[in-house]
Amino acid sequence: MDIRKEAERRVDAKIEFQENLYKYLIVNLIIAIVSICFLQSFWLLFFVMFFWGIGVLEKFFKAYSFHDIAGHDYREKMINKEISKMGD
């Protein structure tokens, strides 16, 4: 895969996660205020937080996965590290 395309995909995933997180926080704050002032119960807030939170977590793991942290050549790095240990 082209490096630029991969970088664009990662940046798009991170931007999508950040936008979704901001929306999640703002909407839940509004629902919390409405729940406190008018409903005197938090079932709606917990319902939205739980199910939308699952989606936010999914986007987080897509944007900041271990594979991205380690890099595509993680296996090669580990092999070279083992070879250098064996040579010492």
Protein backbone atom coordinates (compact mmCIF):
# COMPACT_ATOMS: atom_id res chain seq x y z
CA MET A 1 0.00 0.00 0.00
CA ASP A 2 1.18 3.51 -0.75
CA ILE A 3 2.62 5.25 2.32
CA ARG A 4 0.64 8.43 1.69
CA LYS A 5 -2.64 6.50 1.38
CA GLU A 6 -1.89 4.67 4.63
CA ALA A 7 -1.07 7.95 6.39
CA GLU A 8 -4.29 9.51 5.09
CA ARG A 9 -6.29 6.50 6.31
CA ARG A 10 -4.77 6.76 9.79
CA VAL A 11 -5.33 10.51 10.01
CA ASP A 12 -8.93 10.13 8.84
CA ALA A 13 -9.55 7.46 11.48
CA LYS A 14 -8.09 9.68 14.22
CA ILE A 15 -10.13 12.69 13.12
CA GLU A 16 -13.29 10.57 12.97
CA PHE A 17 -12.63 9.29 16.50
CA GLN A 18 -12.00 12.79 17.88
CA GLU A 19 -15.13 14.21 16.28
CA ASN A 20 -17.22 11.31 17.60
CA LEU A 21 -15.74 11.72 21.09
CA TYR A 22 -16.56 15.45 21.18
CA LYS A 23 -20.13 14.78 20.05
CA TYR A 24 -20.43 12.00 22.64
CA LEU A 25 -19.32 14.30 25.45
CA ILE A 26 -21.53 17.22 24.42
CA VAL A 27 -24.68 15.14 23.89
CA ASN A 28 -24.20 13.26 27.17
CA LEU A 29 -23.69 16.54 29.02
CA ILE A 30 -26.96 17.87 27.58
CA ILE A 31 -28.79 14.65 28.45
CA ALA A 32 -27.34 14.78 31.99
CA ILE A 33 -28.61 18.34 32.46
CA VAL A 34 -32.05 17.44 31.11
CA SER A 35 -32.14 14.31 33.30
CA ILE A 36 -31.26 16.27 36.44
CA CYS A 37 -33.63 19.17 35.77
CA PHE A 38 -36.67 17.47 34.29
CA LEU A 39 -36.59 13.68 34.59
CA GLN A 40 -35.05 13.09 38.04
CA SER A 41 -33.68 9.81 36.69
CA PHE A 42 -30.61 8.82 34.77
CA TRP A 43 -31.77 5.77 32.80
CA LEU A 44 -31.72 7.68 29.50
CA LEU A 45 -28.21 8.99 30.18
CA PHE A 46 -26.87 5.55 31.06
CA PHE A 47 -28.56 3.99 28.03
CA VAL A 48 -27.01 6.52 25.63
CA MET A 49 -23.62 6.46 27.37
CA PHE A 50 -23.39 2.68 27.23
CA PHE A 51 -24.41 2.01 23.65
CA TRP A 52 -22.81 5.08 22.09
CA GLY A 53 -19.73 4.45 24.25
CA ILE A 54 -19.30 1.06 22.60
CA GLY A 55 -19.14 2.81 19.23
CA VAL A 56 -16.66 5.39 20.54
CA LEU A 57 -14.41 2.62 21.87
CA GLU A 58 -14.58 0.83 18.54
CA LYS A 59 -13.46 3.98 16.73
CA PHE A 60 -10.69 4.49 19.31
CA PHE A 61 -9.29 1.01 18.73
CA LYS A 62 -9.53 1.49 14.98
CA ALA A 63 -7.66 4.81 15.15
CA TYR A 64 -5.05 3.93 17.79
CA SER A 65 -4.53 0.21 17.43
CA PHE A 66 -1.50 -1.70 18.69
CA HIS A 67 -0.66 -2.54 15.10
CA ASP A 68 -0.22 1.17 14.33
CA ILE A 69 1.94 1.69 17.41
CA ALA A 70 4.19 -1.24 16.65
CA GLY A 71 4.30 -0.57 12.94
CA HIS A 72 3.84 -2.87 9.99
CA ASP A 73 7.30 -4.32 10.30
CA TYR A 74 6.98 -5.26 13.98
CA ARG A 75 7.85 -8.88 13.29
CA GLU A 76 10.97 -7.87 11.37
CA LYS A 77 12.06 -5.60 14.23
CA MET A 78 11.64 -8.45 16.70
CA ILE A 79 13.60 -10.86 14.47
CA ASN A 80 16.46 -8.37 14.09
CA LYS A 81 16.47 -7.80 17.85
CA GLU A 82 16.74 -11.55 18.50
CA ILE A 83 19.51 -11.90 15.92
CA SER A 84 21.48 -9.11 17.57
CA LYS A 85 21.05 -10.78 20.98
CA MET A 86 22.29 -14.07 19.59
CA GLY A 87 25.37 -12.37 18.13
CA ASP A 88 26.42 -10.88 21.47
